[in-house]
Protein backbone atom coordinates (compact mmCIF):
# COMPACT_ATOMS: atom_id res chain seq x y z
CA MET A 1 142.50 17.95 55.83
CA LYS A 2 143.22 18.17 52.11
CA ARG A 3 146.52 16.30 52.63
CA LEU A 4 144.67 13.50 54.48
CA LYS A 5 142.25 13.08 51.59
CA LEU A 6 145.12 12.91 49.11
CA GLN A 7 146.93 10.32 51.24
CA LYS A 8 143.75 8.22 51.55
CA ARG A 9 143.19 8.40 47.79
CA LYS A 10 146.78 7.33 47.26
CA THR A 11 146.53 4.34 49.59
CA LEU A 12 143.40 3.12 47.77
CA LYS A 13 145.17 3.12 44.41
CA ALA A 14 145.80 -0.42 43.17
CA ALA A 15 149.43 -1.43 42.95
CA ASN A 16 150.91 -2.02 39.52
CA ILE A 17 153.89 -3.97 38.25
CA TYR A 18 156.14 -0.91 38.58
CA ASP A 19 155.27 -0.60 42.28
CA VAL A 20 156.21 -4.26 42.79
CA ALA A 21 159.52 -3.77 40.98
CA LYS A 22 160.34 -0.71 43.08
CA ARG A 23 159.45 -2.46 46.35
CA ALA A 24 161.50 -5.55 45.48
CA GLY A 25 164.39 -3.53 44.08
CA VAL A 26 164.38 -5.34 40.74
CA SER A 27 163.49 -4.58 37.15
CA VAL A 28 159.98 -4.81 35.69
CA PHE A 29 161.22 -7.63 33.45
CA SER A 30 162.23 -9.65 36.51
CA VAL A 31 158.79 -9.18 38.06
CA SER A 32 157.16 -10.26 34.79
CA ALA A 33 159.38 -13.35 34.64
CA VAL A 34 158.34 -14.35 38.17
CA ILE A 35 154.63 -13.78 37.55
CA ASN A 36 154.52 -15.57 34.20
CA LYS A 37 157.15 -18.17 35.10
CA SER A 38 158.68 -17.36 31.75
CA GLY A 39 162.35 -16.89 32.66
CA GLN A 40 165.07 -18.20 34.91
CA VAL A 41 165.48 -16.11 38.04
CA SER A 42 167.35 -16.87 41.22
CA SER A 43 165.44 -18.21 44.20
CA SER A 44 166.35 -15.16 46.31
CA LEU A 45 165.08 -12.75 43.64
CA GLN A 46 161.87 -14.79 43.30
CA ARG A 47 161.30 -14.62 47.07
CA ARG A 48 161.79 -10.82 47.06
CA VAL A 49 159.30 -10.36 44.22
CA GLU A 50 156.73 -12.67 45.83
CA ALA A 51 157.11 -10.84 49.15
CA ALA A 52 156.54 -7.47 47.40
CA ILE A 53 153.44 -8.87 45.66
CA ARG A 54 151.99 -9.97 49.01
CA GLN A 55 152.82 -6.68 50.77
CA LEU A 56 151.23 -4.59 48.02
CA ASN A 57 148.33 -7.02 47.44
CA TYR A 58 149.21 -6.87 43.75
CA ARG A 59 146.85 -8.52 41.23
CA PRO A 60 148.09 -8.95 37.64
CA ASN A 61 146.00 -7.25 34.95
CA LEU A 62 144.44 -10.30 33.33
CA LEU A 63 142.97 -8.28 30.48
CA ALA A 64 146.35 -6.82 29.57
CA ARG A 65 147.95 -10.26 29.74
CA SER A 66 145.20 -11.69 27.53
CA LEU A 67 145.68 -8.99 24.91
CA ALA A 68 149.42 -9.51 24.93
CA LYS A 69 149.17 -13.29 24.54
CA GLN A 70 146.03 -13.31 22.34
CA ARG A 71 144.49 -15.76 24.84
CA THR A 72 141.90 -15.23 27.57
CA HIS A 73 142.11 -18.77 28.98
CA THR A 74 138.33 -18.96 29.04
CA ILE A 75 135.98 -21.27 27.16
CA GLY A 76 132.26 -20.78 26.67
CA ILE A 77 129.58 -23.44 27.14
CA ILE A 78 126.08 -23.09 25.72
CA VAL A 79 123.49 -25.67 26.78
CA PRO A 80 119.77 -25.77 25.89
CA ASP A 81 118.38 -26.35 29.39
CA ILE A 82 120.48 -26.27 32.55
CA ALA A 83 117.41 -27.43 34.52
CA ASN A 84 117.61 -30.75 32.68
CA PRO A 85 119.64 -33.03 35.01
CA PHE A 86 121.58 -34.31 32.01
CA PHE A 87 123.56 -31.10 31.55
CA PRO A 88 125.01 -30.36 35.03
CA LEU A 89 127.03 -33.59 34.82
CA VAL A 90 128.21 -32.67 31.31
CA VAL A 91 129.26 -29.23 32.56
CA ARG A 92 131.06 -30.81 35.52
CA GLY A 93 133.14 -32.87 33.09
CA VAL A 94 133.91 -29.69 31.13
CA GLU A 95 134.93 -27.71 34.19
CA ASP A 96 137.18 -30.38 35.67
CA ILE A 97 139.23 -30.77 32.48
CA ALA A 98 139.28 -27.02 31.78
CA GLN A 99 140.46 -26.15 35.29
CA LYS A 100 143.32 -28.65 35.14
CA ALA A 101 144.47 -26.93 31.95
CA GLY A 102 144.27 -23.46 33.52
CA TYR A 103 141.02 -22.41 31.84
CA SER A 104 137.90 -20.81 33.29
CA THR A 105 134.40 -21.48 31.95
CA LEU A 106 131.47 -19.24 31.06
CA LEU A 107 128.11 -21.04 31.12
CA CYS A 108 125.13 -19.89 29.04
CA ASN A 109 121.62 -21.35 28.92
CA SER A 110 119.81 -20.95 25.56
CA ASP A 111 116.43 -22.38 26.68
CA ASN A 112 116.54 -24.31 23.39
CA GLN A 113 115.80 -21.05 21.56
CA ARG A 114 117.71 -20.13 18.41
CA GLU A 115 117.58 -16.35 18.99
CA LYS A 116 118.85 -16.62 22.56
CA GLU A 117 121.60 -19.02 21.49
CA GLU A 118 122.80 -16.60 18.80
CA ASN A 119 122.89 -13.74 21.32
CA TYR A 120 125.08 -15.85 23.59
CA LEU A 121 127.37 -16.82 20.72
CA GLU A 122 127.90 -13.14 19.92
CA LEU A 123 128.49 -12.39 23.61
CA LEU A 124 131.13 -15.11 23.93
CA LEU A 125 132.86 -13.93 20.77
CA SER A 126 132.89 -10.35 22.09
CA LYS A 127 134.53 -11.61 25.31
CA ARG A 128 137.16 -13.29 23.12
CA VAL A 129 136.80 -16.77 24.58
CA ASP A 130 139.41 -19.19 23.27
CA GLY A 131 136.83 -21.85 22.32
CA ILE A 132 133.16 -22.79 22.58
CA LEU A 133 131.33 -26.00 23.51
CA LEU A 134 127.86 -25.87 21.98
CA THR A 135 124.70 -27.99 22.24
CA MET A 136 122.65 -26.41 19.48
CA ALA A 137 119.04 -25.29 19.65
CA PRO A 138 116.67 -26.30 16.82
CA GLY A 139 116.88 -24.31 13.59
CA ARG A 140 119.56 -22.83 11.33
CA LEU A 141 122.19 -20.24 12.17
CA THR A 142 121.82 -16.90 10.42
CA PRO A 143 124.27 -16.23 7.55
CA ARG A 144 125.62 -13.22 9.47
CA LEU A 145 126.54 -15.32 12.51
CA ARG A 146 128.02 -18.10 10.37
CA GLN A 147 130.26 -15.50 8.74
CA MET A 148 131.23 -14.04 12.12
CA LEU A 149 132.24 -17.47 13.45
CA ALA A 150 134.26 -18.14 10.30
CA ASP A 151 136.04 -14.77 10.46
CA MET A 152 137.01 -15.01 14.12
CA LYS A 153 138.21 -18.62 13.75
CA VAL A 154 137.22 -19.56 17.29
CA PRO A 155 137.32 -23.37 17.70
CA ILE A 156 133.91 -24.94 18.35
CA VAL A 157 133.07 -28.44 19.50
CA LEU A 158 129.46 -29.56 19.17
CA VAL A 159 128.14 -31.63 22.07
CA MET A 160 125.27 -34.13 21.65
CA ARG A 161 123.84 -32.48 18.52
CA THR A 162 125.24 -32.05 15.02
CA SER A 163 124.67 -29.09 12.69
CA ARG A 164 124.61 -28.55 8.94
CA ASP A 165 125.75 -24.96 9.50
CA LEU A 166 129.05 -25.63 11.24
CA LYS A 167 132.08 -27.64 10.18
CA ALA A 168 133.18 -28.55 13.67
CA ASP A 169 134.26 -31.46 15.82
CA VAL A 170 131.41 -33.39 17.43
CA VAL A 171 131.26 -35.43 20.63
CA LEU A 172 127.99 -37.25 21.24
CA THR A 173 126.45 -40.44 22.53
CA ASP A 174 125.37 -43.15 20.11
CA ASP A 175 121.68 -42.34 20.44
CA HIS A 176 120.61 -44.54 17.52
CA LYS A 177 122.20 -47.55 19.18
CA GLY A 178 120.77 -46.65 22.59
CA ALA A 179 117.23 -46.34 21.25
CA PHE A 180 117.61 -49.57 19.26
CA GLU A 181 118.74 -51.46 22.38
CA ALA A 182 115.87 -50.05 24.44
CA VAL A 183 113.16 -51.06 21.98
CA ALA A 184 114.83 -54.38 21.11
CA HIS A 185 114.84 -55.25 24.82
CA LEU A 186 111.11 -54.54 25.08
CA ALA A 187 110.47 -56.70 22.01
CA ARG A 188 112.63 -59.56 23.34
CA ILE A 189 110.58 -59.81 26.52
CA GLY A 190 107.32 -60.09 24.63
CA HIS A 191 105.98 -56.57 24.08
CA ARG A 192 104.41 -56.08 20.63
CA ARG A 193 102.65 -52.70 20.64
CA ILE A 194 105.56 -50.45 21.59
CA ALA A 195 104.89 -46.71 21.73
CA LEU A 196 107.42 -43.88 21.44
CA VAL A 197 107.67 -40.48 23.08
CA SER A 198 110.38 -38.93 20.91
CA GLY A 199 112.49 -35.85 21.34
CA PRO A 200 112.15 -32.90 18.94
CA LEU A 201 112.78 -34.13 15.41
CA GLU A 202 114.35 -30.78 14.49
CA VAL A 203 117.51 -31.74 16.39
CA SER A 204 119.87 -34.53 15.41
CA ASN A 205 119.64 -36.65 18.56
CA GLY A 206 115.83 -36.54 18.45
CA THR A 207 115.98 -37.95 14.94
CA ALA A 208 118.62 -40.53 15.90
CA ARG A 209 116.46 -41.90 18.73
CA TRP A 210 113.40 -42.01 16.47
CA ASN A 211 115.37 -43.96 13.83
CA GLY A 212 116.70 -46.37 16.46
CA TYR A 213 113.13 -47.05 17.60
CA ARG A 214 111.96 -47.71 14.03
CA LYS A 215 114.89 -49.97 13.16
CA ALA A 216 114.41 -52.07 16.30
CA LEU A 217 110.75 -52.64 15.42
CA GLU A 218 111.75 -53.74 11.92
CA ALA A 219 114.42 -56.08 13.27
CA HIS A 220 111.83 -57.86 15.41
CA GLY A 221 109.10 -58.01 12.77
CA LEU A 222 106.91 -55.39 14.45
CA SER A 223 104.96 -52.67 12.68
CA CYS A 224 105.55 -48.96 13.28
CA ASP A 225 102.13 -47.53 14.15
CA PRO A 226 101.94 -43.71 13.80
CA ASP A 227 99.15 -43.70 16.40
CA LEU A 228 101.67 -44.93 18.98
CA ILE A 229 104.17 -42.10 18.40
CA ALA A 230 104.16 -38.68 20.08
CA GLU A 231 106.81 -36.00 19.59
CA GLY A 232 108.00 -34.18 22.70
CA ASP A 233 110.56 -31.47 23.43
CA TYR A 234 112.62 -33.15 26.20
CA ARG A 235 110.64 -31.34 28.91
CA THR A 236 108.25 -32.69 31.53
CA GLU A 237 105.09 -31.11 30.19
CA SER A 238 105.50 -32.68 26.75
CA GLY A 239 105.88 -36.11 28.37
CA TYR A 240 102.66 -35.52 30.30
CA ARG A 241 100.76 -34.58 27.13
CA ALA A 242 102.18 -37.64 25.36
CA GLY A 243 100.98 -39.89 28.19
CA LEU A 244 97.46 -38.51 27.97
CA ALA A 245 97.47 -39.12 24.21
CA LEU A 246 99.12 -42.56 24.07
CA LEU A 247 97.95 -44.47 27.14
CA PRO A 248 94.26 -44.64 26.09
CA ARG A 249 95.48 -46.51 22.99
CA ARG A 250 96.73 -49.29 25.28
CA PRO A 251 100.33 -49.86 24.16
CA ASP A 252 102.10 -52.91 25.64
CA ALA A 253 105.13 -50.77 26.38
CA VAL A 254 106.61 -47.34 25.72
CA PHE A 255 110.08 -46.01 25.03
CA VAL A 256 110.47 -42.44 26.33
CA ALA A 257 113.41 -40.57 24.80
CA ASN A 258 114.58 -38.72 27.91
CA TYR A 259 114.19 -38.65 31.69
CA LEU A 260 112.16 -35.44 32.10
CA MET A 261 109.54 -36.62 29.61
CA THR A 262 109.38 -39.91 31.55
CA VAL A 263 108.44 -37.96 34.68
CA GLY A 264 105.57 -36.29 32.82
CA PHE A 265 104.48 -39.57 31.23
CA MET A 266 104.32 -41.32 34.61
CA GLN A 267 102.32 -38.42 36.02
CA ALA A 268 99.74 -38.91 33.25
CA ALA A 269 99.63 -42.65 33.97
CA ASP A 270 99.04 -41.97 37.67
CA GLU A 271 96.14 -39.63 36.89
CA MET A 272 94.64 -42.32 34.65
CA GLU A 273 95.09 -44.89 37.45
CA MET A 274 97.44 -46.98 35.33
CA THR A 275 100.53 -48.59 36.80
CA CYS A 276 103.87 -49.67 35.40
CA PRO A 277 104.73 -52.45 34.63
CA ASP A 278 101.25 -53.96 35.28
CA ASP A 279 99.52 -51.94 32.53
CA PHE A 280 102.51 -51.08 30.34
CA GLY A 281 106.26 -51.63 30.27
CA LEU A 282 108.59 -48.64 30.05
CA VAL A 283 112.22 -47.89 29.16
CA SER A 284 113.58 -44.38 29.67
CA PHE A 285 116.59 -42.71 28.04
CA ASP A 286 119.39 -41.74 30.46
CA ASP A 287 120.07 -42.91 33.99
CA TYR A 288 120.60 -41.23 37.37
CA PRO A 289 121.49 -42.67 40.80
CA TRP A 290 118.16 -41.67 42.37
CA LEU A 291 116.18 -43.76 39.88
CA ARG A 292 117.04 -46.84 41.96
CA CYS A 293 114.83 -45.40 44.70
CA PHE A 294 111.72 -45.16 42.49
CA ARG A 295 109.04 -47.83 42.43
CA PRO A 296 109.01 -49.33 39.98
CA ARG A 297 112.72 -48.89 39.43
CA LEU A 298 113.18 -47.59 35.90
CA THR A 299 114.84 -49.57 33.14
CA THR A 300 117.01 -47.03 31.33
CA ILE A 301 119.63 -46.39 28.69
CA GLU A 302 122.56 -44.92 30.60
CA LEU A 303 124.53 -42.15 28.89
CA PRO A 304 128.13 -41.24 29.88
CA LYS A 305 127.41 -37.60 30.70
CA TYR A 306 130.60 -36.67 32.57
CA GLU A 307 132.75 -38.36 29.92
CA LEU A 308 130.87 -36.44 27.23
CA GLY A 309 131.85 -33.10 28.76
CA ALA A 310 135.40 -34.23 29.50
CA LYS A 311 136.10 -35.56 26.00
CA GLY A 312 134.54 -32.52 24.38
CA THR A 313 136.79 -30.24 26.43
CA GLN A 314 139.92 -32.27 25.69
CA LEU A 315 139.18 -32.02 21.98
CA LEU A 316 138.50 -28.29 22.23
CA LEU A 317 141.76 -27.65 24.10
CA GLU A 318 143.66 -29.53 21.40
CA ARG A 319 142.13 -27.25 18.76
CA ILE A 320 142.92 -24.16 20.84
CA SER A 321 146.55 -25.34 21.07
CA GLY A 322 146.75 -25.43 17.28
CA SER A 323 145.85 -29.01 16.41
CA LYS A 324 144.89 -29.18 12.74
CA GLY A 325 143.16 -31.79 10.64
CA ARG A 326 139.68 -32.66 9.51
CA SER A 327 136.71 -32.41 11.85
CA THR A 328 136.07 -35.56 13.84
CA VAL A 329 132.98 -37.23 15.28
CA GLN A 330 133.41 -39.15 18.54
CA LYS A 331 130.55 -41.40 19.64
CA LEU A 332 130.32 -42.66 23.22
CA ALA A 333 128.53 -45.95 23.84
CA PRO A 334 125.28 -46.06 25.84
CA HIS A 335 124.45 -48.91 28.21
CA LEU A 336 121.15 -50.71 28.92
CA ARG A 337 120.28 -50.91 32.63
CA VAL A 338 117.51 -53.47 33.20
CA ARG A 339 115.27 -52.92 36.21
CA GLU A 340 111.56 -53.39 36.91
CA SER A 341 109.64 -50.90 34.76
CA CYS A 342 110.16 -52.79 31.49
CA GLY A 343 108.25 -55.83 32.75
CA PHE A 344 111.30 -58.08 32.68
CA THR A 345 110.27 -59.80 35.93
CA PHE A 346 106.89 -60.75 34.44
CA HIS A 347 108.64 -62.12 31.38
CA LEU A 348 111.06 -64.14 33.52
CA ARG A 349 108.26 -65.66 35.55
CA ASN A 350 106.20 -66.57 32.48
CA THR A 351 109.20 -68.11 30.75
CA GLU A 352 110.13 -70.24 33.73
CA ARG A 353 106.52 -71.30 34.31
CA LYS A 354 106.20 -72.55 30.73
CA ALA A 355 109.39 -74.57 31.08
CA LEU A 356 108.19 -76.38 34.23
CA PRO A 357 105.92 -79.44 34.56
CA GLN A 358 102.41 -78.54 35.72
CA ASP A 359 102.79 -80.07 39.20
CA SER A 360 105.97 -78.14 40.05
CA ARG A 361 104.90 -74.66 38.94
CA ARG A 362 103.35 -73.60 42.22
CA SER A 363 106.49 -74.26 44.30
CA GLN A 364 108.68 -72.67 41.61
CA GLU A 365 106.55 -69.49 41.59
CA VAL A 366 107.17 -69.10 45.30
CA GLU A 367 110.91 -69.50 44.72
CA ILE A 368 110.98 -66.95 41.88
CA ALA A 369 108.98 -64.42 43.87
CA SER A 370 111.38 -64.66 46.79
CA ARG A 371 114.57 -64.29 44.76
CA PRO A 372 116.62 -61.17 45.43
CA THR A 373 117.11 -58.87 42.46
CA LEU A 374 120.63 -58.98 41.08
CA VAL A 375 122.33 -55.70 41.88
CA ARG A 376 125.42 -54.71 39.97
CA GLU A 377 126.96 -51.31 40.47
CA LYS A 378 129.42 -50.09 37.89
CA GLY A 379 133.01 -49.82 38.99
CA ALA A 380 135.30 -47.01 37.93
CA ASP A 381 137.12 -49.25 35.44
CA ASP A 382 134.00 -50.77 33.87
CA GLN A 383 133.65 -50.36 30.13
CA PRO A 384 130.29 -50.08 28.36
CA ALA A 385 129.03 -53.56 27.58
CA SER A 386 127.03 -54.75 24.59
CA THR A 387 124.78 -56.90 26.77
CA PRO A 388 122.18 -55.58 29.21
CA THR A 389 122.90 -55.46 32.91
CA ARG A 390 120.32 -56.09 35.58
CA ASP A 391 120.68 -53.92 38.65
């Protein structure tokens, strides 16, 4: 009975590299060369080693290999809100590029809280990740954590938000330009009292979108009315509160600085029995395929989310591989997608009516109303354009 227990315990013991070498009848160095593909071995020897690995169900000790090579082949990702539909597409871009390079990813969600973000940074450093992609929460890093990051020399790439506390590469979208284009479009089609639901002004992209809004108003000779501005936090509830505050002031149109806040804003409008674009025009920041199913279809600023994650990862892998040089900032271009919510159709009808003789307006109105909307789907090779696209 005792012998049976000992035999069972022995069979449950995980095989090691020495067991594989003994089974294959080769040296440990030969097994290591086959596993790591680090040396030239004959095809027959390789087949013997691979057969022994299968028979023994051998799994290399990844921790030991990581310590030996000073690499874990993992990268950490910290995002502020994984429930925000913006970030899953960013993370997909990260994962695809990382996997092709032989890296695994560890995803952390900070809930846009500085304390939680710092805990995750310490966790990733303790797990010895090779690099970190970080979308920062509002606030400043503690001096202790800044010193820890500097001492460990782990490459960091900031995604979407810059930081005064870190000298790091940055990959982001040109949010100032995107906000400028959104508000300029509303002004071009006749809106004069244009409201803003901004993101948090504590983070860099919230400030960039606010500045783009202000500059577009200035460029079109419109005043910036503080009563038509509400600061949100990129979440649905803040958009709802902004709608309740701004809509009674009867803006002609509103620029909402992200999709989730747009959902909340439209909920407030529905409760107040106001409709878009009849009572107000609207442009939202960021675009998703399902928005084409909404009525009215939302005019948006499209952001290249997948490309953002992919480019950030490529840059991080270059730094991990030893690329030196000064920190860089890469800006990806946004793209205006014109649909119904901005009131463009009303503007088109009014413009064409004014250009027609009185006696031909009625027949022309029928023709305009029956026109199909131009639909243009982006192809894989399309590049961001400087002119708006109607789809």
